[in-house]
Amino acid sequence: MSLQPLKTQGFAQDIYKESSVQLEELGTLRILSDGRKFQYARAGATALAAGKVTQTAIPSANASDEVVAASAAVGDMSISVTFGGAVTADFYKDGLLWVNDDTGEGHLYRVRGHAAGTTAVIVYLKDPIRVAVTAGSGTVSLIQNPQDLVLVYPTTGTGAPAGVPPIPVTANYYFWNQVAGPVPVLTDGTVVIGQHVRVSDGVAGAVEPLDRDGANENEAEVGTVLAVNADTEYSLINLSIGY
């Protein structure tokens, strides 16, 4: 019996390799034959460790509830936005734009790219405008791709869980971030097989029992325990981040 290795399987980058250059679209979903799921990601300014939970980048205040500078009609593939501060070119490439108020509110669009600037920046979209957005009344918000510039989940979260790297990752390098299925994760405290775990509020990048600190805690749940290992070791967790 010949088994296909877990290397490329039609993808440009090995599941257990990092890359200094981008080889896949950020957020690309990869599912292995054993059911594990990964998304293509980029590390932020600090290196990542295998088996530690990561979080999304901290959203920029410059792209929340921003003015639409020119009306966008149904079918348009771009929208003009006046940001709250200067943005660098393609900062939101492969990210998301949504209309958060007035006409067209509640609709989400994928970002193809944009120029640098602040006022009337043309944001090119991967999806056509579905409901017209009116200049001066409609407002939009943007975020980077949830897998762009991820960081180790801090003890006080500033983003949402993004996944668990299966390998150490150099700062600003690209890798496959595991989001579902079995993976060893740093353990804080005593976890119980079959029970839920959440991100730890005591050890960065670790998981802890869901009810460890009482009912008033609300850290994000990330999976269930498949096999228990001791405090400070790596227990096997069945991840369920976004899936």
C-alpha atoms as a PDB file:
ATOM      1  CA  MET A   1       0.000   0.000   0.000  1.00  0.00           C
ATOM      2  CA  SER A   2       1.419   3.367  -1.044  1.00  0.00           C
ATOM      3  CA  LEU A   3       0.511   6.405   1.048  1.00  0.00           C
ATOM      4  CA  GLN A   4       0.768   9.971  -0.211  1.00  0.00           C
ATOM      5  CA  PRO A   5       3.064  12.020   2.058  1.00  0.00           C
ATOM      6  CA  LEU A   6       1.702  15.056   3.886  1.00  0.00           C
ATOM      7  CA  LYS A   7       3.929  17.379   1.921  1.00  0.00           C
ATOM      8  CA  THR A   8       2.174  19.287  -0.843  1.00  0.00           C
ATOM      9  CA  GLN A   9      -0.942  17.353  -1.935  1.00  0.00           C
ATOM     10  CA  GLY A  10      -1.556  19.976  -4.619  1.00  0.00           C
ATOM     11  CA  PHE A  11      -0.408  22.928  -2.503  1.00  0.00           C
ATOM     12  CA  ALA A  12       2.780  24.906  -3.027  1.00  0.00           C
ATOM     13  CA  GLN A  13       3.970  24.740   0.586  1.00  0.00           C
ATOM     14  CA  ASP A  14       4.693  21.722   2.775  1.00  0.00           C
ATOM     15  CA  ILE A  15       2.410  21.459   5.815  1.00  0.00           C
ATOM     16  CA  TYR A  16       5.454  21.326   8.132  1.00  0.00           C
ATOM     17  CA  LYS A  17       7.519  24.065   6.443  1.00  0.00           C
ATOM     18  CA  GLU A  18       7.627  27.838   6.757  1.00  0.00           C
ATOM     19  CA  SER A  19       8.328  30.259   3.909  1.00  0.00           C
ATOM     20  CA  SER A  20       9.736  33.766   3.701  1.00  0.00           C
ATOM     21  CA  VAL A  21       7.580  34.392   0.604  1.00  0.00           C
ATOM     22  CA  GLN A  22       3.831  33.953   0.211  1.00  0.00           C
ATOM     23  CA  LEU A  23       2.941  30.788  -1.719  1.00  0.00           C
ATOM     24  CA  GLU A  24      -0.825  30.560  -1.097  1.00  0.00           C
ATOM     25  CA  GLU A  25      -3.677  33.005  -0.599  1.00  0.00           C
ATOM     26  CA  LEU A  26      -4.002  33.934   3.071  1.00  0.00           C
ATOM     27  CA  GLY A  27      -6.792  32.000   4.741  1.00  0.00           C
ATOM     28  CA  THR A  28      -6.701  29.159   2.204  1.00  0.00           C
ATOM     29  CA  LEU A  29      -8.272  26.096   3.823  1.00  0.00           C
ATOM     30  CA  ARG A  30      -6.403  22.792   3.657  1.00  0.00           C
ATOM     31  CA  ILE A  31      -7.994  19.548   4.851  1.00  0.00           C
ATOM     32  CA  LEU A  32      -5.925  16.415   5.373  1.00  0.00           C
ATOM     33  CA  SER A  33      -7.253  12.889   4.870  1.00  0.00           C
ATOM     34  CA  ASP A  34      -7.352  12.406   8.659  1.00  0.00           C
ATOM     35  CA  GLY A  35      -9.712  15.383   9.042  1.00  0.00           C
ATOM     36  CA  ARG A  36      -7.267  17.944  10.384  1.00  0.00           C
ATOM     37  CA  LYS A  37      -7.840  21.431   8.977  1.00  0.00           C
ATOM     38  CA  PHE A  38      -5.287  24.203   8.407  1.00  0.00           C
ATOM     39  CA  GLN A  39      -5.411  27.756   7.101  1.00  0.00           C
ATOM     40  CA  TYR A  40      -2.552  29.521   5.362  1.00  0.00           C
ATOM     41  CA  ALA A  41      -1.222  32.232   7.669  1.00  0.00           C
ATOM     42  CA  ARG A  42       1.548  34.737   8.258  1.00  0.00           C
ATOM     43  CA  ALA A  43       3.266  35.260  11.594  1.00  0.00           C
ATOM     44  CA  GLY A  44       3.457  38.748  13.039  1.00  0.00           C
ATOM     45  CA  ALA A  45       6.523  40.567  14.297  1.00  0.00           C
ATOM     46  CA  THR A  46       7.294  37.911  16.929  1.00  0.00           C
ATOM     47  CA  ALA A  47       8.232  34.284  16.260  1.00  0.00           C
ATOM     48  CA  LEU A  48       5.680  31.582  17.038  1.00  0.00           C
ATOM     49  CA  ALA A  49       6.122  28.262  18.829  1.00  0.00           C
ATOM     50  CA  ALA A  50       4.688  24.883  17.901  1.00  0.00           C
ATOM     51  CA  GLY A  51       1.706  23.947  20.043  1.00  0.00           C
ATOM     52  CA  LYS A  52       0.811  27.423  21.304  1.00  0.00           C
ATOM     53  CA  VAL A  53      -2.509  29.046  20.445  1.00  0.00           C
ATOM     54  CA  THR A  54      -2.339  32.117  18.205  1.00  0.00           C
ATOM     55  CA  GLN A  55      -4.741  35.041  17.859  1.00  0.00           C
ATOM     56  CA  THR A  56      -5.710  37.407  15.078  1.00  0.00           C
ATOM     57  CA  ALA A  57      -3.920  40.732  14.657  1.00  0.00           C
ATOM     58  CA  ILE A  58      -5.202  43.661  16.729  1.00  0.00           C
ATOM     59  CA  PRO A  59      -7.698  45.576  14.518  1.00  0.00           C
ATOM     60  CA  SER A  60      -6.668  49.071  13.463  1.00  0.00           C
ATOM     61  CA  ALA A  61      -8.738  52.000  14.724  1.00  0.00           C
ATOM     62  CA  ASN A  62      -8.152  53.658  11.326  1.00  0.00           C
ATOM     63  CA  ALA A  63     -10.598  51.302   9.594  1.00  0.00           C
ATOM     64  CA  SER A  64     -13.672  51.213  11.810  1.00  0.00           C
ATOM     65  CA  ASP A  65     -16.893  52.977  10.785  1.00  0.00           C
ATOM     66  CA  GLU A  66     -15.177  54.945   8.023  1.00  0.00           C
ATOM     67  CA  VAL A  67     -16.741  57.314   5.494  1.00  0.00           C
ATOM     68  CA  VAL A  68     -17.603  56.148   1.987  1.00  0.00           C
ATOM     69  CA  ALA A  69     -16.100  58.856  -0.217  1.00  0.00           C
ATOM     70  CA  ALA A  70     -17.951  58.016  -3.447  1.00  0.00           C
ATOM     71  CA  SER A  71     -21.149  56.084  -4.016  1.00  0.00           C
ATOM     72  CA  ALA A  72     -20.746  52.440  -5.100  1.00  0.00           C
ATOM     73  CA  ALA A  73     -23.361  50.921  -7.374  1.00  0.00           C
ATOM     74  CA  VAL A  74     -24.527  47.336  -7.593  1.00  0.00           C
ATOM     75  CA  GLY A  75     -21.943  45.380  -9.582  1.00  0.00           C
ATOM     76  CA  ASP A  76     -19.019  47.695  -8.826  1.00  0.00           C
ATOM     77  CA  MET A  77     -15.777  45.905  -7.962  1.00  0.00           C
ATOM     78  CA  SER A  78     -14.359  48.718  -5.828  1.00  0.00           C
ATOM     79  CA  ILE A  79     -15.369  51.261  -3.219  1.00  0.00           C
ATOM     80  CA  SER A  80     -13.804  54.587  -2.232  1.00  0.00           C
ATOM     81  CA  VAL A  81     -13.014  54.900   1.476  1.00  0.00           C
ATOM     82  CA  THR A  82     -11.687  57.758   3.616  1.00  0.00           C
ATOM     83  CA  PHE A  83      -9.746  56.111   6.437  1.00  0.00           C
ATOM     84  CA  GLY A  84      -9.240  57.444   9.948  1.00  0.00           C
ATOM     85  CA  GLY A  85      -5.490  57.600   9.317  1.00  0.00           C
ATOM     86  CA  ALA A  86      -2.898  56.677   6.704  1.00  0.00           C
ATOM     87  CA  VAL A  87      -2.843  53.088   5.449  1.00  0.00           C
ATOM     88  CA  THR A  88       0.015  51.422   3.594  1.00  0.00           C
ATOM     89  CA  ALA A  89      -0.587  49.853   0.196  1.00  0.00           C
ATOM     90  CA  ASP A  90      -2.373  46.475   0.335  1.00  0.00           C
ATOM     91  CA  PHE A  91      -2.463  46.429   4.135  1.00  0.00           C
ATOM     92  CA  TYR A  92      -5.960  44.904   3.893  1.00  0.00           C
ATOM     93  CA  LYS A  93      -5.239  42.667   0.871  1.00  0.00           C
ATOM     94  CA  ASP A  94      -7.024  39.297   1.309  1.00  0.00           C
ATOM     95  CA  GLY A  95      -8.863  40.867   4.249  1.00  0.00           C
ATOM     96  CA  LEU A  96     -12.508  41.804   4.682  1.00  0.00           C
ATOM     97  CA  LEU A  97     -14.643  44.914   4.214  1.00  0.00           C
ATOM     98  CA  TRP A  98     -18.213  45.184   5.458  1.00  0.00           C
ATOM     99  CA  VAL A  99     -20.854  47.883   5.381  1.00  0.00           C
ATOM    100  CA  ASN A 100     -21.625  48.551   9.025  1.00  0.00           C
ATOM    101  CA  ASP A 101     -24.241  51.317   8.693  1.00  0.00           C
ATOM    102  CA  ASP A 102     -26.922  52.726   6.369  1.00  0.00           C
ATOM    103  CA  THR A 103     -27.635  51.373   2.873  1.00  0.00           C
ATOM    104  CA  GLY A 104     -25.966  48.055   2.191  1.00  0.00           C
ATOM    105  CA  GLU A 105     -25.332  47.417   5.883  1.00  0.00           C
ATOM    106  CA  GLY A 106     -24.690  43.816   6.838  1.00  0.00           C
ATOM    107  CA  HIS A 107     -22.958  42.901   3.563  1.00  0.00           C
ATOM    108  CA  LEU A 108     -19.393  41.518   3.580  1.00  0.00           C
ATOM    109  CA  TYR A 109     -16.806  41.720   0.775  1.00  0.00           C
ATOM    110  CA  ARG A 110     -13.337  40.269   0.269  1.00  0.00           C
ATOM    111  CA  VAL A 111     -10.534  42.765  -0.410  1.00  0.00           C
ATOM    112  CA  ARG A 112      -8.313  42.359  -3.474  1.00  0.00           C
ATOM    113  CA  GLY A 113      -6.008  45.290  -2.706  1.00  0.00           C
ATOM    114  CA  HIS A 114      -5.668  49.068  -2.464  1.00  0.00           C
ATOM    115  CA  ALA A 115      -3.175  51.920  -2.780  1.00  0.00           C
ATOM    116  CA  ALA A 116      -1.561  53.779   0.115  1.00  0.00           C
ATOM    117  CA  GLY A 117      -3.304  56.875   1.420  1.00  0.00           C
ATOM    118  CA  THR A 118      -5.956  58.284   3.708  1.00  0.00           C
ATOM    119  CA  THR A 119      -8.622  60.156   1.749  1.00  0.00           C
ATOM    120  CA  ALA A 120     -10.741  58.550  -0.991  1.00  0.00           C
ATOM    121  CA  VAL A 121      -8.619  55.401  -1.183  1.00  0.00           C
ATOM    122  CA  ILE A 122      -9.955  53.017  -3.834  1.00  0.00           C
ATOM    123  CA  VAL A 123     -10.361  49.580  -2.258  1.00  0.00           C
ATOM    124  CA  TYR A 124     -10.603  46.863  -4.923  1.00  0.00           C
ATOM    125  CA  LEU A 125     -12.863  43.941  -4.112  1.00  0.00           C
ATOM    126  CA  LYS A 126     -12.999  40.258  -5.032  1.00  0.00           C
ATOM    127  CA  ASP A 127     -16.802  40.351  -4.910  1.00  0.00           C
ATOM    128  CA  PRO A 128     -19.185  42.764  -6.674  1.00  0.00           C
ATOM    129  CA  ILE A 129     -21.199  45.233  -4.625  1.00  0.00           C
ATOM    130  CA  ARG A 130     -24.592  43.607  -3.942  1.00  0.00           C
ATOM    131  CA  VAL A 131     -26.446  46.596  -2.463  1.00  0.00           C
ATOM    132  CA  ALA A 132     -25.558  50.169  -3.466  1.00  0.00           C
ATOM    133  CA  VAL A 133     -23.645  52.200  -0.878  1.00  0.00           C
ATOM    134  CA  THR A 134     -24.237  55.959  -0.729  1.00  0.00           C
ATOM    135  CA  ALA A 135     -21.393  58.440  -0.252  1.00  0.00           C
ATOM    136  CA  GLY A 136     -21.625  60.469   2.936  1.00  0.00           C
ATOM    137  CA  SER A 137     -24.175  58.216   4.635  1.00  0.00           C
ATOM    138  CA  GLY A 138     -22.977  54.633   4.321  1.00  0.00           C
ATOM    139  CA  THR A 139     -19.963  53.678   6.446  1.00  0.00           C
ATOM    140  CA  VAL A 140     -17.649  50.692   6.158  1.00  0.00           C
ATOM    141  CA  SER A 141     -15.105  48.860   8.282  1.00  0.00           C
ATOM    142  CA  LEU A 142     -12.136  46.687   7.302  1.00  0.00           C
ATOM    143  CA  ILE A 143      -9.920  44.103   8.951  1.00  0.00           C
ATOM    144  CA  GLN A 144      -6.885  42.200   7.807  1.00  0.00           C
ATOM    145  CA  ASN A 145      -7.313  38.570   6.889  1.00  0.00           C
ATOM    146  CA  PRO A 146      -7.809  36.725  10.204  1.00  0.00           C
ATOM    147  CA  GLN A 147      -4.698  34.673   9.386  1.00  0.00           C
ATOM    148  CA  ASP A 148      -2.481  37.669   8.636  1.00  0.00           C
ATOM    149  CA  LEU A 149       0.173  38.698  11.195  1.00  0.00           C
ATOM    150  CA  VAL A 150      -1.042  36.312  13.880  1.00  0.00           C
ATOM    151  CA  LEU A 151       0.581  36.371  17.318  1.00  0.00           C
ATOM    152  CA  VAL A 152       0.787  34.136  20.372  1.00  0.00           C
ATOM    153  CA  TYR A 153      -2.484  34.442  22.278  1.00  0.00           C
ATOM    154  CA  PRO A 154      -1.746  36.713  25.280  1.00  0.00           C
ATOM    155  CA  THR A 155      -3.151  36.169  28.773  1.00  0.00           C
ATOM    156  CA  THR A 156      -5.563  39.007  28.052  1.00  0.00           C
ATOM    157  CA  GLY A 157      -6.809  38.498  24.525  1.00  0.00           C
ATOM    158  CA  THR A 158      -6.762  41.355  22.021  1.00  0.00           C
ATOM    159  CA  GLY A 159      -8.122  39.319  19.117  1.00  0.00           C
ATOM    160  CA  ALA A 160      -9.870  36.048  18.339  1.00  0.00           C
ATOM    161  CA  PRO A 161      -8.252  32.580  18.320  1.00  0.00           C
ATOM    162  CA  ALA A 162      -6.591  31.934  14.947  1.00  0.00           C
ATOM    163  CA  GLY A 163      -5.108  28.437  15.283  1.00  0.00           C
ATOM    164  CA  VAL A 164      -2.142  26.427  16.545  1.00  0.00           C
ATOM    165  CA  PRO A 165       1.118  26.247  14.547  1.00  0.00           C
ATOM    166  CA  PRO A 166       2.356  22.671  14.015  1.00  0.00           C
ATOM    167  CA  ILE A 167       5.952  23.968  13.782  1.00  0.00           C
ATOM    168  CA  PRO A 168       8.023  26.882  15.125  1.00  0.00           C
ATOM    169  CA  VAL A 169       7.579  29.890  12.822  1.00  0.00           C
ATOM    170  CA  THR A 170       9.996  32.754  12.179  1.00  0.00           C
ATOM    171  CA  ALA A 171       8.576  36.278  12.556  1.00  0.00           C
ATOM    172  CA  ASN A 172       6.775  37.439   9.394  1.00  0.00           C
ATOM    173  CA  TYR A 173       7.053  33.997   7.731  1.00  0.00           C
ATOM    174  CA  TYR A 174       4.162  32.106   6.137  1.00  0.00           C
ATOM    175  CA  PHE A 175       2.919  28.768   7.480  1.00  0.00           C
ATOM    176  CA  TRP A 176      -0.096  26.475   7.860  1.00  0.00           C
ATOM    177  CA  ASN A 177      -2.021  27.300  11.047  1.00  0.00           C
ATOM    178  CA  GLN A 178      -4.063  24.357  12.361  1.00  0.00           C
ATOM    179  CA  VAL A 179      -7.689  25.271  13.117  1.00  0.00           C
ATOM    180  CA  ALA A 180      -9.418  21.906  13.602  1.00  0.00           C
ATOM    181  CA  GLY A 181      -8.594  18.346  14.600  1.00  0.00           C
ATOM    182  CA  PRO A 182      -6.068  16.766  16.986  1.00  0.00           C
ATOM    183  CA  VAL A 183      -2.999  18.832  17.934  1.00  0.00           C
ATOM    184  CA  PRO A 184      -0.726  18.976  21.011  1.00  0.00           C
ATOM    185  CA  VAL A 185      -1.249  22.270  22.886  1.00  0.00           C
ATOM    186  CA  LEU A 186       0.553  23.741  25.888  1.00  0.00           C
ATOM    187  CA  THR A 187      -1.484  22.981  29.017  1.00  0.00           C
ATOM    188  CA  ASP A 188      -2.079  25.317  31.962  1.00  0.00           C
ATOM    189  CA  GLY A 189      -3.511  23.441  34.937  1.00  0.00           C
ATOM    190  CA  THR A 190      -5.275  20.092  34.918  1.00  0.00           C
ATOM    191  CA  VAL A 191      -7.494  19.390  31.930  1.00  0.00           C
ATOM    192  CA  VAL A 192     -10.011  16.534  31.798  1.00  0.00           C
ATOM    193  CA  ILE A 193     -10.490  14.156  28.901  1.00  0.00           C
ATOM    194  CA  GLY A 194     -13.677  14.860  26.971  1.00  0.00           C
ATOM    195  CA  GLN A 195     -14.160  18.330  28.451  1.00  0.00           C
ATOM    196  CA  HIS A 196     -13.876  21.729  26.809  1.00  0.00           C
ATOM    197  CA  VAL A 197     -10.786  23.945  27.049  1.00  0.00           C
ATOM    198  CA  ARG A 198     -10.333  27.656  26.478  1.00  0.00           C
ATOM    199  CA  VAL A 199      -7.379  29.963  26.012  1.00  0.00           C
ATOM    200  CA  SER A 200      -5.506  30.466  29.273  1.00  0.00           C
ATOM    201  CA  ASP A 201      -5.618  33.754  31.163  1.00  0.00           C
ATOM    202  CA  GLY A 202      -2.465  32.768  33.056  1.00  0.00           C
ATOM    203  CA  VAL A 203      -0.027  31.392  30.453  1.00  0.00           C
ATOM    204  CA  ALA A 204       0.274  32.904  26.967  1.00  0.00           C
ATOM    205  CA  GLY A 205      -0.541  30.448  24.191  1.00  0.00           C
ATOM    206  CA  ALA A 206      -1.796  27.732  26.554  1.00  0.00           C
ATOM    207  CA  VAL A 207      -5.209  26.175  27.142  1.00  0.00           C
ATOM    208  CA  GLU A 208      -6.914  25.620  30.491  1.00  0.00           C
ATOM    209  CA  PRO A 209     -10.124  23.941  31.698  1.00  0.00           C
ATOM    210  CA  LEU A 210     -13.228  25.837  30.644  1.00  0.00           C
ATOM    211  CA  ASP A 211     -14.509  26.226  34.209  1.00  0.00           C
ATOM    212  CA  ARG A 212     -11.159  26.569  35.987  1.00  0.00           C
ATOM    213  CA  ASP A 213     -11.630  30.091  37.353  1.00  0.00           C
ATOM    214  CA  GLY A 214     -15.375  30.145  37.851  1.00  0.00           C
ATOM    215  CA  ALA A 215     -18.469  31.111  35.915  1.00  0.00           C
ATOM    216  CA  ASN A 216     -17.451  34.752  35.433  1.00  0.00           C
ATOM    217  CA  GLU A 217     -14.550  33.938  33.114  1.00  0.00           C
ATOM    218  CA  ASN A 218     -15.229  34.299  29.391  1.00  0.00           C
ATOM    219  CA  GLU A 219     -12.001  33.456  27.537  1.00  0.00           C
ATOM    220  CA  ALA A 220     -12.586  31.884  24.116  1.00  0.00           C
ATOM    221  CA  GLU A 221     -13.254  28.164  23.922  1.00  0.00           C
ATOM    222  CA  VAL A 222     -10.981  26.394  21.402  1.00  0.00           C
ATOM    223  CA  GLY A 223     -11.707  22.651  21.609  1.00  0.00           C
ATOM    224  CA  THR A 224     -12.062  19.489  23.667  1.00  0.00           C
ATOM    225  CA  VAL A 225      -9.505  17.228  25.348  1.00  0.00           C
ATOM    226  CA  LEU A 226      -8.583  13.976  23.594  1.00  0.00           C
ATOM    227  CA  ALA A 227      -5.706  12.976  25.877  1.00  0.00           C
ATOM    228  CA  VAL A 228      -4.414  14.506  29.106  1.00  0.00           C
ATOM    229  CA  ASN A 229      -0.867  15.494  29.943  1.00  0.00           C
ATOM    230  CA  ALA A 230       0.388  17.331  32.995  1.00  0.00           C
ATOM    231  CA  ASP A 231       0.462  21.056  33.711  1.00  0.00           C
ATOM    232  CA  THR A 232       3.187  22.769  31.570  1.00  0.00           C
ATOM    233  CA  GLU A 233       3.194  19.785  29.178  1.00  0.00           C
ATOM    234  CA  TYR A 234       1.296  19.409  25.898  1.00  0.00           C
ATOM    235  CA  SER A 235      -2.106  17.705  25.968  1.00  0.00           C
ATOM    236  CA  LEU A 236      -3.812  16.464  22.801  1.00  0.00           C
ATOM    237  CA  ILE A 237      -6.673  18.820  21.970  1.00  0.00           C
ATOM    238  CA  ASN A 238      -9.345  18.372  19.327  1.00  0.00           C
ATOM    239  CA  LEU A 239      -9.357  21.941  17.985  1.00  0.00           C
ATOM    240  CA  SER A 240     -12.541  23.618  16.784  1.00  0.00           C
ATOM    241  CA  ILE A 241     -11.511  27.163  15.885  1.00  0.00           C
ATOM    242  CA  GLY A 242     -13.987  28.553  13.375  1.00  0.00           C
ATOM    243  CA  TYR A 243     -15.112  25.106  12.215  1.00  0.00           C
END
